[in-house]
Amino acid sequence: MVKRQIESLAESGRVDLAKAGLDLELLKEARDSVAHTGKIPDEMRTNRHGTYQLLAAAQFGLQLLLLAKLGYSDRVVTANEGWKSYELIEKFLK
């Protein structure tokens, strides 16, 4: 249900979750694992960068949703191959 709500919110703000690097299925899997076992799934724990990238993408996706809903139309800070860069928010919108 939350996944559908996030997708609906993204659609209403024209945010393309794939362009933002946000995989809701993977995020849900991590959330469910932590909620039910208290641990991040093994396949995510063996790759520390995978866990970080998942959480960073979730944070960035939420920032994009909020900024889009507020009508923001300028640049956002992104990470491009480990480097900080500034991209127009339009790059992540549909």
Protein backbone atom coordinates (compact mmCIF):
# COMPACT_ATOMS: atom_id res chain seq x y z
CA MET A 1 0.00 0.00 0.00
CA VAL A 2 2.77 2.47 0.86
CA LYS A 3 4.50 1.62 -2.41
CA ARG A 4 1.37 2.59 -4.34
CA GLN A 5 1.08 5.82 -2.34
CA ILE A 6 4.69 6.74 -3.10
CA GLU A 7 4.18 5.93 -6.78
CA SER A 8 1.03 8.06 -6.81
CA LEU A 9 2.82 10.93 -5.11
CA ALA A 10 5.70 10.64 -7.59
CA GLU A 11 3.25 10.61 -10.49
CA SER A 12 1.43 13.69 -9.20
CA GLY A 13 4.76 15.53 -8.88
CA ARG A 14 5.97 14.16 -12.25
CA VAL A 15 9.02 12.61 -10.53
CA ASP A 16 10.58 9.70 -12.40
CA LEU A 17 11.70 7.37 -9.61
CA ALA A 18 13.90 5.35 -11.97
CA LYS A 19 15.81 8.47 -13.04
CA ALA A 20 16.30 9.29 -9.35
CA GLY A 21 17.76 5.81 -8.87
CA LEU A 22 15.02 4.75 -6.46
CA ASP A 23 13.99 1.08 -6.55
CA LEU A 24 10.89 0.78 -4.38
CA GLU A 25 10.92 -3.03 -4.48
CA LEU A 26 14.47 -3.18 -3.15
CA LEU A 27 13.69 -0.54 -0.54
CA LYS A 28 10.62 -2.49 0.55
CA GLU A 29 12.66 -5.67 0.79
CA ALA A 30 15.21 -3.92 3.01
CA ARG A 31 12.50 -2.36 5.15
CA ASP A 32 10.66 -5.67 5.59
CA SER A 33 13.86 -7.46 6.52
CA VAL A 34 14.81 -4.85 9.11
CA ALA A 35 11.26 -4.78 10.52
CA HIS A 36 10.97 -8.57 10.80
CA THR A 37 14.52 -9.70 11.55
CA GLY A 38 16.24 -6.54 12.75
CA LYS A 39 18.86 -6.95 10.02
CA ILE A 40 19.52 -5.64 6.55
CA PRO A 41 19.32 -8.52 4.00
CA ASP A 42 22.57 -10.46 3.62
CA GLU A 43 22.97 -9.56 -0.06
CA MET A 44 22.88 -5.87 0.90
CA ARG A 45 25.16 -6.26 3.92
CA THR A 46 27.91 -7.98 1.95
CA ASN A 47 28.12 -4.89 -0.23
CA ARG A 48 28.28 -1.91 2.08
CA HIS A 49 28.04 0.47 -0.84
CA GLY A 50 24.81 -1.24 -1.89
CA THR A 51 23.19 -0.40 1.45
CA TYR A 52 24.45 3.17 1.31
CA GLN A 53 23.31 3.63 -2.29
CA LEU A 54 19.86 2.28 -1.48
CA LEU A 55 19.41 4.66 1.45
CA ALA A 56 20.93 7.61 -0.44
CA ALA A 57 18.59 6.99 -3.40
CA ALA A 58 15.61 6.85 -1.02
CA GLN A 59 16.63 10.14 0.58
CA PHE A 60 17.19 11.79 -2.81
CA GLY A 61 13.87 10.48 -4.11
CA LEU A 62 12.02 11.92 -1.12
CA GLN A 63 13.78 15.27 -1.58
CA LEU A 64 12.75 15.32 -5.24
CA LEU A 65 9.13 14.52 -4.34
CA LEU A 66 9.01 17.34 -1.81
CA LEU A 67 10.71 19.86 -4.10
CA ALA A 68 8.47 18.94 -7.04
CA LYS A 69 5.34 19.32 -4.89
CA LEU A 70 6.58 22.74 -3.79
CA GLY A 71 7.03 23.77 -7.44
CA TYR A 72 10.82 24.04 -7.27
CA SER A 73 12.40 24.32 -10.72
CA ASP A 74 16.12 25.03 -10.26
CA ARG A 75 19.14 22.81 -9.57
CA VAL A 76 19.45 19.95 -7.08
CA VAL A 77 22.63 18.49 -5.62
CA THR A 78 23.37 14.99 -6.89
CA ALA A 79 26.20 12.50 -6.73
CA ASN A 80 27.65 11.69 -10.14
CA GLU A 81 30.13 8.79 -9.89
CA GLY A 82 31.06 9.89 -6.40
CA TRP A 83 31.36 13.58 -7.27
CA LYS A 84 28.96 16.26 -6.16
CA SER A 85 27.18 17.82 -9.10
CA TYR A 86 24.25 20.13 -9.70
CA GLU A 87 21.51 19.10 -12.08
CA LEU A 88 18.30 20.81 -13.04
CA ILE A 89 15.41 19.10 -11.29
CA GLU A 90 13.80 18.68 -14.72
CA LYS A 91 16.31 15.89 -15.41
CA PHE A 92 14.47 13.74 -12.84
CA LEU A 93 10.94 14.65 -13.89
CA LYS A 94 8.68 13.06 -16.47
